[in-house]
Each structure stands twice: as structure tokens, then as C-alpha cells.
Amino acid sequence: MLILQDIEKSDIIKISEFDNEQIYQFTNDPFTFNSKIVLNDKDEILAAGFIRVVNEFKVTVNPNISNFMKAKVIDELIKYGLSNSQCNEIIVELTNGGNHYANILEKHFKFQYGNGILMRLER
């Protein structure tokens, strides 16, 4: 039997023992609004999950403009996105040919490649 319950402060150390991605740190993040652990019938923590506020920021850039102009328009969009966001981060999913401006995001705006695979479930 699996038991779902709220995370207590005392659970964080137990979670950190198997959490190689350090997501337990989201317990202190102001954009985390709900978190749970899954226990087995021996009260052992099997997993932890965090729900965070995420504003999706979608970008498309004309591939035919110069890299200089790409950097300028991306800068405008990022400033707009951050000033109208309720979050402290922007995650960009490069799809359908967006790779032509990935180097601009990295070089000029200090975006970093994640070390995981972005997966999505929309309802």
C-alpha cells in the first residue's frame, strides 16, 4: 500500500539521501506551492514530488535575420517575459528548428543546457 502525505522538515534529510538531482531544495523555493512524499506501509519514503508555479515562455525567431538582430529581439522578449512573470526563471524548450538561436541564448544571455530531458504532459 502506498501513502501520500505532506513533506515535513524531518523528511528532507531522508529525501536527500536518494535525491541525486537535489530537488528537495525546492522545499524552500517561493514558487513551490505544494509538495508530497510517497511512503510504503513501513513508513519508508519512496519518492517526493513538488508542484511549482511555472510560466511557459514560448519564443519563435525568424531564422533569416542576422544573429545580431536575433540577440536584440530575444533580449526584448526576455525582458518582457521576466517583467510579466510570476517566476524567477525562464526555461526554453527548443523545438521545430529553434536550434538556430540556441548559441545566442547561451552566449549572450547565459542560458545553460539542462542535464536532463525535458518531458511534457498537457491536460
PDB file of N, CA and C in Angstrom:
ATOM      1  N   MET A   1       0.841  -1.184   0.000  1.00  0.00           N
ATOM      2  CA  MET A   1       0.000   0.000   0.000  1.00  0.00           C
ATOM      3  C   MET A   1       0.888   1.250   0.000  1.00  0.00           C
ATOM      4  N   LEU A   2       0.521   2.218  -0.804  1.00  0.00           N
ATOM      5  CA  LEU A   2       1.249   3.477  -0.877  1.00  0.00           C
ATOM      6  C   LEU A   2       0.478   4.572  -0.156  1.00  0.00           C
ATOM      7  N   ILE A   3       1.204   5.422   0.549  1.00  0.00           N
ATOM      8  CA  ILE A   3       0.600   6.509   1.321  1.00  0.00           C
ATOM      9  C   ILE A   3       1.179   7.824   0.816  1.00  0.00           C
ATOM     10  N   LEU A   4       0.312   8.760   0.488  1.00  0.00           N
ATOM     11  CA  LEU A   4       0.714  10.094   0.031  1.00  0.00           C
ATOM     12  C   LEU A   4       0.505  11.060   1.185  1.00  0.00           C
ATOM     13  N   GLN A   5       1.543  11.819   1.535  1.00  0.00           N
ATOM     14  CA  GLN A   5       1.382  12.787   2.626  1.00  0.00           C
ATOM     15  C   GLN A   5       2.282  13.995   2.424  1.00  0.00           C
ATOM     16  N   ASP A   6       2.002  15.053   3.180  1.00  0.00           N
ATOM     17  CA  ASP A   6       2.795  16.270   3.113  1.00  0.00           C
ATOM     18  C   ASP A   6       4.227  16.008   3.576  1.00  0.00           C
ATOM     19  N   ILE A   7       5.146  16.802   3.060  1.00  0.00           N
ATOM     20  CA  ILE A   7       6.546  16.700   3.467  1.00  0.00           C
ATOM     21  C   ILE A   7       6.739  17.500   4.745  1.00  0.00           C
ATOM     22  N   GLU A   8       7.346  16.866   5.711  1.00  0.00           N
ATOM     23  CA  GLU A   8       7.731  17.534   6.959  1.00  0.00           C
ATOM     24  C   GLU A   8       9.216  17.883   6.873  1.00  0.00           C
ATOM     25  N   LYS A   9       9.643  18.855   7.651  1.00  0.00           N
ATOM     26  CA  LYS A   9      11.062  19.235   7.642  1.00  0.00           C
ATOM     27  C   LYS A   9      11.972  18.041   7.938  1.00  0.00           C
ATOM     28  N   SER A  10      11.530  17.161   8.809  1.00  0.00           N
ATOM     29  CA  SER A  10      12.345  15.989   9.169  1.00  0.00           C
ATOM     30  C   SER A  10      12.500  15.015   7.999  1.00  0.00           C
ATOM     31  N   ASP A  11      11.635  15.115   6.987  1.00  0.00           N
ATOM     32  CA  ASP A  11      11.714  14.229   5.822  1.00  0.00           C
ATOM     33  C   ASP A  11      12.808  14.636   4.843  1.00  0.00           C
ATOM     34  N   ILE A  12      13.228  15.892   4.882  1.00  0.00           N
ATOM     35  CA  ILE A  12      14.150  16.420   3.883  1.00  0.00           C
ATOM     36  C   ILE A  12      15.484  15.673   3.900  1.00  0.00           C
ATOM     37  N   ILE A  13      15.997  15.360   5.080  1.00  0.00           N
ATOM     38  CA  ILE A  13      17.271  14.627   5.162  1.00  0.00           C
ATOM     39  C   ILE A  13      17.110  13.242   4.547  1.00  0.00           C
ATOM     40  N   LYS A  14      16.005  12.579   4.811  1.00  0.00           N
ATOM     41  CA  LYS A  14      15.770  11.249   4.248  1.00  0.00           C
ATOM     42  C   LYS A  14      15.657  11.317   2.727  1.00  0.00           C
ATOM     43  N   ILE A  15      14.989  12.351   2.236  1.00  0.00           N
ATOM     44  CA  ILE A  15      14.843  12.526   0.787  1.00  0.00           C
ATOM     45  C   ILE A  15      16.207  12.784   0.149  1.00  0.00           C
ATOM     46  N   SER A  16      17.018  13.635   0.795  1.00  0.00           N
ATOM     47  CA  SER A  16      18.320  13.993   0.223  1.00  0.00           C
ATOM     48  C   SER A  16      19.250  12.791   0.095  1.00  0.00           C
ATOM     49  N   GLU A  17      19.002  11.731   0.847  1.00  0.00           N
ATOM     50  CA  GLU A  17      19.847  10.538   0.777  1.00  0.00           C
ATOM     51  C   GLU A  17      19.734   9.814  -0.565  1.00  0.00           C
ATOM     52  N   PHE A  18      18.584   9.930  -1.232  1.00  0.00           N
ATOM     53  CA  PHE A  18      18.440   9.266  -2.539  1.00  0.00           C
ATOM     54  C   PHE A  18      18.188  10.251  -3.672  1.00  0.00           C
ATOM     55  N   ASP A  19      18.106  11.518  -3.373  1.00  0.00           N
ATOM     56  CA  ASP A  19      17.773  12.549  -4.362  1.00  0.00           C
ATOM     57  C   ASP A  19      19.034  13.065  -5.041  1.00  0.00           C
ATOM     58  N   ASN A  20      19.477  12.377  -6.093  1.00  0.00           N
ATOM     59  CA  ASN A  20      20.703  12.792  -6.772  1.00  0.00           C
ATOM     60  C   ASN A  20      20.522  14.034  -7.642  1.00  0.00           C
ATOM     61  N   GLU A  21      19.303  14.513  -7.790  1.00  0.00           N
ATOM     62  CA  GLU A  21      19.053  15.750  -8.549  1.00  0.00           C
ATOM     63  C   GLU A  21      18.817  16.940  -7.630  1.00  0.00           C
ATOM     64  N   GLN A  22      18.824  16.712  -6.340  1.00  0.00           N
ATOM     65  CA  GLN A  22      18.668  17.754  -5.322  1.00  0.00           C
ATOM     66  C   GLN A  22      17.370  18.546  -5.461  1.00  0.00           C
ATOM     67  N   ILE A  23      16.308  17.880  -5.881  1.00  0.00           N
ATOM     68  CA  ILE A  23      15.036  18.595  -5.972  1.00  0.00           C
ATOM     69  C   ILE A  23      14.446  18.885  -4.593  1.00  0.00           C
ATOM     70  N   TYR A  24      14.961  18.221  -3.564  1.00  0.00           N
ATOM     71  CA  TYR A  24      14.480  18.517  -2.213  1.00  0.00           C
ATOM     72  C   TYR A  24      14.670  19.993  -1.871  1.00  0.00           C
ATOM     73  N   GLN A  25      15.614  20.665  -2.554  1.00  0.00           N
ATOM     74  CA  GLN A  25      15.854  22.083  -2.298  1.00  0.00           C
ATOM     75  C   GLN A  25      14.650  22.950  -2.676  1.00  0.00           C
ATOM     76  N   PHE A  26      13.744  22.411  -3.483  1.00  0.00           N
ATOM     77  CA  PHE A  26      12.545  23.170  -3.846  1.00  0.00           C
ATOM     78  C   PHE A  26      11.604  23.375  -2.667  1.00  0.00           C
ATOM     79  N   THR A  27      11.851  22.686  -1.551  1.00  0.00           N
ATOM     80  CA  THR A  27      11.002  22.914  -0.375  1.00  0.00           C
ATOM     81  C   THR A  27      11.135  24.351   0.115  1.00  0.00           C
ATOM     82  N   ASN A  28      12.264  24.996  -0.163  1.00  0.00           N
ATOM     83  CA  ASN A  28      12.497  26.383   0.259  1.00  0.00           C
ATOM     84  C   ASN A  28      12.256  27.395  -0.848  1.00  0.00           C
ATOM     85  N   ASP A  29      11.850  26.933  -2.016  1.00  0.00           N
ATOM     86  CA  ASP A  29      11.650  27.811  -3.164  1.00  0.00           C
ATOM     87  C   ASP A  29      10.300  28.521  -3.030  1.00  0.00           C
ATOM     88  N   PRO A  30      10.275  29.835  -3.197  1.00  0.00           N
ATOM     89  CA  PRO A  30       8.998  30.552  -3.054  1.00  0.00           C
ATOM     90  C   PRO A  30       7.975  30.198  -4.129  1.00  0.00           C
ATOM     91  N   PHE A  31       8.405  29.527  -5.194  1.00  0.00           N
ATOM     92  CA  PHE A  31       7.486  29.172  -6.263  1.00  0.00           C
ATOM     93  C   PHE A  31       6.981  27.732  -6.148  1.00  0.00           C
ATOM     94  N   THR A  32       7.373  27.056  -5.079  1.00  0.00           N
ATOM     95  CA  THR A  32       6.823  25.735  -4.784  1.00  0.00           C
ATOM     96  C   THR A  32       5.596  25.945  -3.923  1.00  0.00           C
ATOM     97  N   PHE A  33       4.452  25.454  -4.382  1.00  0.00           N
ATOM     98  CA  PHE A  33       3.254  25.673  -3.595  1.00  0.00           C
ATOM     99  C   PHE A  33       2.637  24.394  -3.070  1.00  0.00           C
ATOM    100  N   ASN A  34       3.196  23.275  -3.424  1.00  0.00           N
ATOM    101  CA  ASN A  34       2.678  22.025  -2.899  1.00  0.00           C
ATOM    102  C   ASN A  34       3.750  20.961  -3.040  1.00  0.00           C
ATOM    103  N   SER A  35       3.869  20.126  -2.039  1.00  0.00           N
ATOM    104  CA  SER A  35       4.845  19.040  -2.097  1.00  0.00           C
ATOM    105  C   SER A  35       4.311  17.851  -1.314  1.00  0.00           C
ATOM    106  N   LYS A  36       4.663  16.678  -1.780  1.00  0.00           N
ATOM    107  CA  LYS A  36       4.190  15.437  -1.152  1.00  0.00           C
ATOM    108  C   LYS A  36       5.304  14.407  -1.173  1.00  0.00           C
ATOM    109  N   ILE A  37       5.201  13.442  -0.283  1.00  0.00           N
ATOM    110  CA  ILE A  37       6.048  12.265  -0.319  1.00  0.00           C
ATOM    111  C   ILE A  37       5.149  11.048  -0.460  1.00  0.00           C
ATOM    112  N   VAL A  38       5.738   9.986  -0.979  1.00  0.00           N
ATOM    113  CA  VAL A  38       5.051   8.700  -1.074  1.00  0.00           C
ATOM    114  C   VAL A  38       5.772   7.740  -0.132  1.00  0.00           C
ATOM    115  N   LEU A  39       5.005   7.140   0.763  1.00  0.00           N
ATOM    116  CA  LEU A  39       5.540   6.192   1.741  1.00  0.00           C
ATOM    117  C   LEU A  39       5.010   4.804   1.448  1.00  0.00           C
ATOM    118  N   ASN A  40       5.779   3.791   1.858  1.00  0.00           N
ATOM    119  CA  ASN A  40       5.234   2.441   1.821  1.00  0.00           C
ATOM    120  C   ASN A  40       4.610   2.129   3.181  1.00  0.00           C
ATOM    121  N   ASP A  41       4.138   0.918   3.363  1.00  0.00           N
ATOM    122  CA  ASP A  41       3.458   0.586   4.619  1.00  0.00           C
ATOM    123  C   ASP A  41       4.419   0.462   5.806  1.00  0.00           C
ATOM    124  N   LYS A  42       5.725   0.591   5.560  1.00  0.00           N
ATOM    125  CA  LYS A  42       6.723   0.609   6.639  1.00  0.00           C
ATOM    126  C   LYS A  42       7.177   2.038   6.943  1.00  0.00           C
ATOM    127  N   ASP A  43       6.458   3.014   6.398  1.00  0.00           N
ATOM    128  CA  ASP A  43       6.775   4.439   6.548  1.00  0.00           C
ATOM    129  C   ASP A  43       8.128   4.820   5.956  1.00  0.00           C
ATOM    130  N   GLU A  44       8.593   4.088   4.956  1.00  0.00           N
ATOM    131  CA  GLU A  44       9.814   4.442   4.250  1.00  0.00           C
ATOM    132  C   GLU A  44       9.451   5.368   3.086  1.00  0.00           C
ATOM    133  N   ILE A  45      10.234   6.422   2.925  1.00  0.00           N
ATOM    134  CA  ILE A  45       9.982   7.371   1.843  1.00  0.00           C
ATOM    135  C   ILE A  45      10.455   6.760   0.530  1.00  0.00           C
ATOM    136  N   LEU A  46       9.533   6.648  -0.419  1.00  0.00           N
ATOM    137  CA  LEU A  46       9.843   6.069  -1.725  1.00  0.00           C
ATOM    138  C   LEU A  46      10.075   7.139  -2.789  1.00  0.00           C
ATOM    139  N   ALA A  47       9.441   8.293  -2.637  1.00  0.00           N
ATOM    140  CA  ALA A  47       9.544   9.354  -3.643  1.00  0.00           C
ATOM    141  C   ALA A  47       9.048  10.668  -3.048  1.00  0.00           C
ATOM    142  N   ALA A  48       9.418  11.752  -3.705  1.00  0.00           N
ATOM    143  CA  ALA A  48       8.938  13.080  -3.323  1.00  0.00           C
ATOM    144  C   ALA A  48       8.590  13.839  -4.599  1.00  0.00           C
ATOM    145  N   GLY A  49       7.576  14.661  -4.527  1.00  0.00           N
ATOM    146  CA  GLY A  49       7.162  15.456  -5.681  1.00  0.00           C
ATOM    147  C   GLY A  49       6.853  16.881  -5.269  1.00  0.00           C
ATOM    148  N   PHE A  50       7.171  17.806  -6.150  1.00  0.00           N
ATOM    149  CA  PHE A  50       6.977  19.228  -5.884  1.00  0.00           C
ATOM    150  C   PHE A  50       6.221  19.864  -7.034  1.00  0.00           C
ATOM    151  N   ILE A  51       5.201  20.613  -6.720  1.00  0.00           N
ATOM    152  CA  ILE A  51       4.468  21.370  -7.737  1.00  0.00           C
ATOM    153  C   ILE A  51       4.917  22.814  -7.621  1.00  0.00           C
ATOM    154  N   ARG A  52       5.389  23.349  -8.732  1.00  0.00           N
ATOM    155  CA  ARG A  52       5.891  24.716  -8.757  1.00  0.00           C
ATOM    156  C   ARG A  52       5.095  25.538  -9.758  1.00  0.00           C
ATOM    157  N   VAL A  53       5.017  26.816  -9.489  1.00  0.00           N
ATOM    158  CA  VAL A  53       4.421  27.750 -10.437  1.00  0.00           C
ATOM    159  C   VAL A  53       5.409  27.909 -11.579  1.00  0.00           C
ATOM    160  N   VAL A  54       4.961  27.654 -12.779  1.00  0.00           N
ATOM    161  CA  VAL A  54       5.820  27.804 -13.950  1.00  0.00           C
ATOM    162  C   VAL A  54       5.054  28.595 -15.000  1.00  0.00           C
ATOM    163  N   ASN A  55       5.652  29.669 -15.441  1.00  0.00           N
ATOM    164  CA  ASN A  55       5.090  30.410 -16.565  1.00  0.00           C
ATOM    165  C   ASN A  55       5.783  29.916 -17.816  1.00  0.00           C
ATOM    166  N   GLU A  56       5.001  29.474 -18.758  1.00  0.00           N
ATOM    167  CA  GLU A  56       5.595  28.988 -20.005  1.00  0.00           C
ATOM    168  C   GLU A  56       5.882  30.180 -20.908  1.00  0.00           C
ATOM    169  N   PHE A  57       7.063  30.225 -21.435  1.00  0.00           N
ATOM    170  CA  PHE A  57       7.514  31.322 -22.287  1.00  0.00           C
ATOM    171  C   PHE A  57       7.906  30.715 -23.619  1.00  0.00           C
ATOM    172  N   LYS A  58       7.096  30.913 -24.630  1.00  0.00           N
ATOM    173  CA  LYS A  58       7.364  30.351 -25.954  1.00  0.00           C
ATOM    174  C   LYS A  58       7.951  31.444 -26.834  1.00  0.00           C
ATOM    175  N   VAL A  59       8.940  31.061 -27.617  1.00  0.00           N
ATOM    176  CA  VAL A  59       9.632  32.014 -28.489  1.00  0.00           C
ATOM    177  C   VAL A  59       9.766  31.404 -29.873  1.00  0.00           C
ATOM    178  N   THR A  60       9.559  32.212 -30.873  1.00  0.00           N
ATOM    179  CA  THR A  60       9.926  31.831 -32.230  1.00  0.00           C
ATOM    180  C   THR A  60      10.694  32.997 -32.830  1.00  0.00           C
ATOM    181  N   VAL A  61      11.765  32.688 -33.522  1.00  0.00           N
ATOM    182  CA  VAL A  61      12.632  33.710 -34.098  1.00  0.00           C
ATOM    183  C   VAL A  61      12.828  33.396 -35.572  1.00  0.00           C
ATOM    184  N   ASN A  62      12.664  34.399 -36.386  1.00  0.00           N
ATOM    185  CA  ASN A  62      12.857  34.240 -37.832  1.00  0.00           C
ATOM    186  C   ASN A  62      14.296  33.814 -38.112  1.00  0.00           C
ATOM    187  N   PRO A  63      14.498  32.664 -38.720  1.00  0.00           N
ATOM    188  CA  PRO A  63      15.863  32.186 -38.959  1.00  0.00           C
ATOM    189  C   PRO A  63      16.616  32.999 -40.013  1.00  0.00           C
ATOM    190  N   ASN A  64      15.922  33.840 -40.748  1.00  0.00           N
ATOM    191  CA  ASN A  64      16.553  34.586 -41.839  1.00  0.00           C
ATOM    192  C   ASN A  64      17.155  35.919 -41.410  1.00  0.00           C
ATOM    193  N   ILE A  65      16.998  36.308 -40.135  1.00  0.00           N
ATOM    194  CA  ILE A  65      17.589  37.574 -39.693  1.00  0.00           C
ATOM    195  C   ILE A  65      18.993  37.316 -39.152  1.00  0.00           C
ATOM    196  N   SER A  66      19.773  38.365 -39.048  1.00  0.00           N
ATOM    197  CA  SER A  66      21.162  38.228 -38.592  1.00  0.00           C
ATOM    198  C   SER A  66      21.208  37.794 -37.126  1.00  0.00           C
ATOM    199  N   ASN A  67      22.321  37.213 -36.722  1.00  0.00           N
ATOM    200  CA  ASN A  67      22.490  36.837 -35.321  1.00  0.00           C
ATOM    201  C   ASN A  67      22.422  38.050 -34.406  1.00  0.00           C
ATOM    202  N   PHE A  68      22.944  39.187 -34.877  1.00  0.00           N
ATOM    203  CA  PHE A  68      22.862  40.422 -34.094  1.00  0.00           C
ATOM    204  C   PHE A  68      21.399  40.785 -33.827  1.00  0.00           C
ATOM    205  N   MET A  69      20.564  40.727 -34.882  1.00  0.00           N
ATOM    206  CA  MET A  69      19.145  41.065 -34.718  1.00  0.00           C
ATOM    207  C   MET A  69      18.435  40.016 -33.864  1.00  0.00           C
ATOM    208  N   LYS A  70      18.808  38.742 -34.013  1.00  0.00           N
ATOM    209  CA  LYS A  70      18.225  37.693 -33.162  1.00  0.00           C
ATOM    210  C   LYS A  70      18.485  38.008 -31.691  1.00  0.00           C
ATOM    211  N   ALA A  71      19.731  38.396 -31.378  1.00  0.00           N
ATOM    212  CA  ALA A  71      20.077  38.723 -29.996  1.00  0.00           C
ATOM    213  C   ALA A  71      19.249  39.897 -29.490  1.00  0.00           C
ATOM    214  N   LYS A  72      19.052  40.908 -30.340  1.00  0.00           N
ATOM    215  CA  LYS A  72      18.263  42.083 -29.922  1.00  0.00           C
ATOM    216  C   LYS A  72      16.804  41.715 -29.648  1.00  0.00           C
ATOM    217  N   VAL A  73      16.201  40.934 -30.543  1.00  0.00           N
ATOM    218  CA  VAL A  73      14.776  40.614 -30.353  1.00  0.00           C
ATOM    219  C   VAL A  73      14.592  39.645 -29.187  1.00  0.00           C
ATOM    220  N   ILE A  74      15.526  38.725 -29.011  1.00  0.00           N
ATOM    221  CA  ILE A  74      15.445  37.809 -27.864  1.00  0.00           C
ATOM    222  C   ILE A  74      15.586  38.601 -26.566  1.00  0.00           C
ATOM    223  N   ASP A  75      16.493  39.573 -26.547  1.00  0.00           N
ATOM    224  CA  ASP A  75      16.656  40.416 -25.361  1.00  0.00           C
ATOM    225  C   ASP A  75      15.349  41.123 -25.011  1.00  0.00           C
ATOM    226  N   GLU A  76      14.694  41.672 -26.001  1.00  0.00           N
ATOM    227  CA  GLU A  76      13.409  42.347 -25.748  1.00  0.00           C
ATOM    228  C   GLU A  76      12.371  41.375 -25.191  1.00  0.00           C
ATOM    229  N   LEU A  77      12.300  40.191 -25.782  1.00  0.00           N
ATOM    230  CA  LEU A  77      11.321  39.199 -25.318  1.00  0.00           C
ATOM    231  C   LEU A  77      11.636  38.705 -23.917  1.00  0.00           C
ATOM    232  N   ILE A  78      12.911  38.498 -23.612  1.00  0.00           N
ATOM    233  CA  ILE A  78      13.284  38.038 -22.268  1.00  0.00           C
ATOM    234  C   ILE A  78      12.951  39.101 -21.232  1.00  0.00           C
ATOM    235  N   LYS A  79      13.278  40.352 -21.525  1.00  0.00           N
ATOM    236  CA  LYS A  79      12.944  41.437 -20.577  1.00  0.00           C
ATOM    237  C   LYS A  79      11.445  41.487 -20.347  1.00  0.00           C
ATOM    238  N   TYR A  80      10.680  41.387 -21.424  1.00  0.00           N
ATOM    239  CA  TYR A  80       9.219  41.390 -21.300  1.00  0.00           C
ATOM    240  C   TYR A  80       8.746  40.178 -20.500  1.00  0.00           C
ATOM    241  N   GLY A  81       9.277  39.008 -20.824  1.00  0.00           N
ATOM    242  CA  GLY A  81       8.860  37.782 -20.152  1.00  0.00           C
ATOM    243  C   GLY A  81       9.129  37.814 -18.661  1.00  0.00           C
ATOM    244  N   LEU A  82      10.324  38.270 -18.271  1.00  0.00           N
ATOM    245  CA  LEU A  82      10.658  38.325 -16.852  1.00  0.00           C
ATOM    246  C   LEU A  82       9.865  39.387 -16.104  1.00  0.00           C
ATOM    247  N   SER A  83       9.610  40.525 -16.756  1.00  0.00           N
ATOM    248  CA  SER A  83       8.871  41.587 -16.065  1.00  0.00           C
ATOM    249  C   SER A  83       7.390  41.260 -15.920  1.00  0.00           C
ATOM    250  N   ASN A  84       6.882  40.345 -16.724  1.00  0.00           N
ATOM    251  CA  ASN A  84       5.471  39.973 -16.653  1.00  0.00           C
ATOM    252  C   ASN A  84       5.285  38.553 -16.123  1.00  0.00           C
ATOM    253  N   SER A  85       6.279  38.055 -15.438  1.00  0.00           N
ATOM    254  CA  SER A  85       6.256  36.689 -14.946  1.00  0.00           C
ATOM    255  C   SER A  85       6.064  36.664 -13.441  1.00  0.00           C
ATOM    256  N   GLN A  86       5.532  35.573 -12.957  1.00  0.00           N
ATOM    257  CA  GLN A  86       5.419  35.361 -11.522  1.00  0.00           C
ATOM    258  C   GLN A  86       6.505  34.407 -11.047  1.00  0.00           C
ATOM    259  N   CYS A  87       7.466  34.112 -11.897  1.00  0.00           N
ATOM    260  CA  CYS A  87       8.524  33.149 -11.581  1.00  0.00           C
ATOM    261  C   CYS A  87       9.885  33.818 -11.668  1.00  0.00           C
ATOM    262  N   ASN A  88      10.881  33.101 -11.188  1.00  0.00           N
ATOM    263  CA  ASN A  88      12.239  33.629 -11.182  1.00  0.00           C
ATOM    264  C   ASN A  88      13.140  32.956 -12.212  1.00  0.00           C
ATOM    265  N   GLU A  89      12.552  32.236 -13.147  1.00  0.00           N
ATOM    266  CA  GLU A  89      13.363  31.560 -14.144  1.00  0.00           C
ATOM    267  C   GLU A  89      12.614  31.458 -15.459  1.00  0.00           C
ATOM    268  N   ILE A  90      13.383  31.284 -16.514  1.00  0.00           N
ATOM    269  CA  ILE A  90      12.817  31.018 -17.828  1.00  0.00           C
ATOM    270  C   ILE A  90      13.447  29.726 -18.323  1.00  0.00           C
ATOM    271  N   ILE A  91      12.632  28.808 -18.741  1.00  0.00           N
ATOM    272  CA  ILE A  91      13.093  27.571 -19.346  1.00  0.00           C
ATOM    273  C   ILE A  91      12.653  27.611 -20.799  1.00  0.00           C
ATOM    274  N   VAL A  92      13.588  27.450 -21.702  1.00  0.00           N
ATOM    275  CA  VAL A  92      13.279  27.486 -23.124  1.00  0.00           C
ATOM    276  C   VAL A  92      13.386  26.069 -23.676  1.00  0.00           C
ATOM    277  N   GLU A  93      12.334  25.614 -24.293  1.00  0.00           N
ATOM    278  CA  GLU A  93      12.349  24.331 -24.983  1.00  0.00           C
ATOM    279  C   GLU A  93      12.539  24.619 -26.461  1.00  0.00           C
ATOM    280  N   LEU A  94      13.664  24.228 -26.992  1.00  0.00           N
ATOM    281  CA  LEU A  94      13.970  24.483 -28.396  1.00  0.00           C
ATOM    282  C   LEU A  94      13.368  23.366 -29.237  1.00  0.00           C
ATOM    283  N   THR A  95      12.406  23.715 -30.060  1.00  0.00           N
ATOM    284  CA  THR A  95      11.729  22.725 -30.895  1.00  0.00           C
ATOM    285  C   THR A  95      11.591  23.257 -32.308  1.00  0.00           C
ATOM    286  N   ASN A  96      11.311  22.385 -33.214  1.00  0.00           N
ATOM    287  CA  ASN A  96      10.994  22.749 -34.594  1.00  0.00           C
ATOM    288  C   ASN A  96      11.959  23.761 -35.193  1.00  0.00           C
ATOM    289  N   GLY A  97      13.231  23.490 -35.084  1.00  0.00           N
ATOM    290  CA  GLY A  97      14.220  24.351 -35.722  1.00  0.00           C
ATOM    291  C   GLY A  97      14.730  25.489 -34.865  1.00  0.00           C
ATOM    292  N   GLY A  98      14.400  25.542 -33.600  1.00  0.00           N
ATOM    293  CA  GLY A  98      14.866  26.616 -32.730  1.00  0.00           C
ATOM    294  C   GLY A  98      16.344  26.577 -32.423  1.00  0.00           C
ATOM    295  N   ASN A  99      17.012  25.530 -32.876  1.00  0.00           N
ATOM    296  CA  ASN A  99      18.445  25.413 -32.598  1.00  0.00           C
ATOM    297  C   ASN A  99      19.261  26.543 -33.199  1.00  0.00           C
ATOM    298  N   HIS A 100      18.720  27.247 -34.181  1.00  0.00           N
ATOM    299  CA  HIS A 100      19.499  28.310 -34.821  1.00  0.00           C
ATOM    300  C   HIS A 100      19.750  29.495 -33.899  1.00  0.00           C
ATOM    301  N   TYR A 101      19.058  29.575 -32.772  1.00  0.00           N
ATOM    302  CA  TYR A 101      19.359  30.642 -31.823  1.00  0.00           C
ATOM    303  C   TYR A 101      19.773  30.122 -30.452  1.00  0.00           C
ATOM    304  N   ALA A 102      20.004  28.825 -30.312  1.00  0.00           N
ATOM    305  CA  ALA A 102      20.451  28.251 -29.036  1.00  0.00           C
ATOM    306  C   ALA A 102      21.786  28.855 -28.601  1.00  0.00           C
ATOM    307  N   ASN A 103      22.714  29.023 -29.544  1.00  0.00           N
ATOM    308  CA  ASN A 103      24.020  29.577 -29.184  1.00  0.00           C
ATOM    309  C   ASN A 103      23.902  31.026 -28.713  1.00  0.00           C
ATOM    310  N   ILE A 104      22.936  31.760 -29.220  1.00  0.00           N
ATOM    311  CA  ILE A 104      22.715  33.149 -28.779  1.00  0.00           C
ATOM    312  C   ILE A 104      22.212  33.155 -27.341  1.00  0.00           C
ATOM    313  N   LEU A 105      21.292  32.258 -27.019  1.00  0.00           N
ATOM    314  CA  LEU A 105      20.794  32.163 -25.641  1.00  0.00           C
ATOM    315  C   LEU A 105      21.931  31.832 -24.680  1.00  0.00           C
ATOM    316  N   GLU A 106      22.792  30.947 -25.109  1.00  0.00           N
ATOM    317  CA  GLU A 106      23.906  30.525 -24.253  1.00  0.00           C
ATOM    318  C   GLU A 106      24.959  31.635 -24.121  1.00  0.00           C
ATOM    319  N   LYS A 107      25.387  32.197 -25.236  1.00  0.00           N
ATOM    320  CA  LYS A 107      26.488  33.153 -25.239  1.00  0.00           C
ATOM    321  C   LYS A 107      26.104  34.517 -24.666  1.00  0.00           C
ATOM    322  N   HIS A 108      24.979  35.052 -25.093  1.00  0.00           N
ATOM    323  CA  HIS A 108      24.620  36.427 -24.727  1.00  0.00           C
ATOM    324  C   HIS A 108      23.746  36.524 -23.478  1.00  0.00           C
ATOM    325  N   PHE A 109      23.008  35.471 -23.183  1.00  0.00           N
ATOM    326  CA  PHE A 109      22.041  35.562 -22.089  1.00  0.00           C
ATOM    327  C   PHE A 109      22.326  34.585 -20.960  1.00  0.00           C
ATOM    328  N   LYS A 110      23.409  33.818 -21.099  1.00  0.00           N
ATOM    329  CA  LYS A 110      23.880  32.899 -20.054  1.00  0.00           C
ATOM    330  C   LYS A 110      22.902  31.767 -19.751  1.00  0.00           C
ATOM    331  N   PHE A 111      22.065  31.402 -20.723  1.00  0.00           N
ATOM    332  CA  PHE A 111      21.243  30.213 -20.567  1.00  0.00           C
ATOM    333  C   PHE A 111      22.183  29.017 -20.490  1.00  0.00           C
ATOM    334  N   GLN A 112      21.780  28.020 -19.746  1.00  0.00           N
ATOM    335  CA  GLN A 112      22.585  26.815 -19.615  1.00  0.00           C
ATOM    336  C   GLN A 112      21.769  25.628 -20.093  1.00  0.00           C
ATOM    337  N   TYR A 113      22.464  24.673 -20.678  1.00  0.00           N
ATOM    338  CA  TYR A 113      21.785  23.448 -21.067  1.00  0.00           C
ATOM    339  C   TYR A 113      21.467  22.655 -19.814  1.00  0.00           C
ATOM    340  N   GLY A 114      20.259  22.142 -19.738  1.00  0.00           N
ATOM    341  CA  GLY A 114      19.899  21.284 -18.625  1.00  0.00           C
ATOM    342  C   GLY A 114      20.594  19.947 -18.767  1.00  0.00           C
ATOM    343  N   ASN A 115      20.694  19.229 -17.679  1.00  0.00           N
ATOM    344  CA  ASN A 115      21.335  17.941 -17.744  1.00  0.00           C
ATOM    345  C   ASN A 115      20.303  16.808 -17.755  1.00  0.00           C
ATOM    346  N   GLY A 116      19.112  17.124 -18.150  1.00  0.00           N
ATOM    347  CA  GLY A 116      18.073  16.110 -18.234  1.00  0.00           C
ATOM    348  C   GLY A 116      17.346  16.213 -19.563  1.00  0.00           C
ATOM    349  N   ILE A 117      16.289  15.493 -19.660  1.00  0.00           N
ATOM    350  CA  ILE A 117      15.449  15.526 -20.846  1.00  0.00           C
ATOM    351  C   ILE A 117      14.135  16.184 -20.441  1.00  0.00           C
ATOM    352  N   LEU A 118      13.758  17.228 -21.141  1.00  0.00           N
ATOM    353  CA  LEU A 118      12.503  17.906 -20.851  1.00  0.00           C
ATOM    354  C   LEU A 118      11.359  17.068 -21.368  1.00  0.00           C
ATOM    355  N   MET A 119      10.432  16.731 -20.486  1.00  0.00           N
ATOM    356  CA  MET A 119       9.255  15.966 -20.874  1.00  0.00           C
ATOM    357  C   MET A 119       8.030  16.778 -20.498  1.00  0.00           C
ATOM    358  N   ARG A 120       6.960  16.575 -21.218  1.00  0.00           N
ATOM    359  CA  ARG A 120       5.778  17.416 -21.018  1.00  0.00           C
ATOM    360  C   ARG A 120       4.522  16.565 -21.020  1.00  0.00           C
ATOM    361  N   LEU A 121       3.588  16.946 -20.161  1.00  0.00           N
ATOM    362  CA  LEU A 121       2.249  16.372 -20.156  1.00  0.00           C
ATOM    363  C   LEU A 121       1.286  17.522 -20.046  1.00  0.00           C
ATOM    364  N   GLU A 122       0.484  17.732 -21.053  1.00  0.00           N
ATOM    365  CA  GLU A 122      -0.528  18.786 -21.013  1.00  0.00           C
ATOM    366  C   GLU A 122      -1.893  18.159 -20.891  1.00  0.00           C
ATOM    367  N   ARG A 123      -2.739  18.815 -20.134  1.00  0.00           N
ATOM    368  CA  ARG A 123      -4.112  18.328 -19.961  1.00  0.00           C
ATOM    369  C   ARG A 123      -5.095  19.364 -20.422  1.00  0.00           C
TER     370      ARG A 123
END
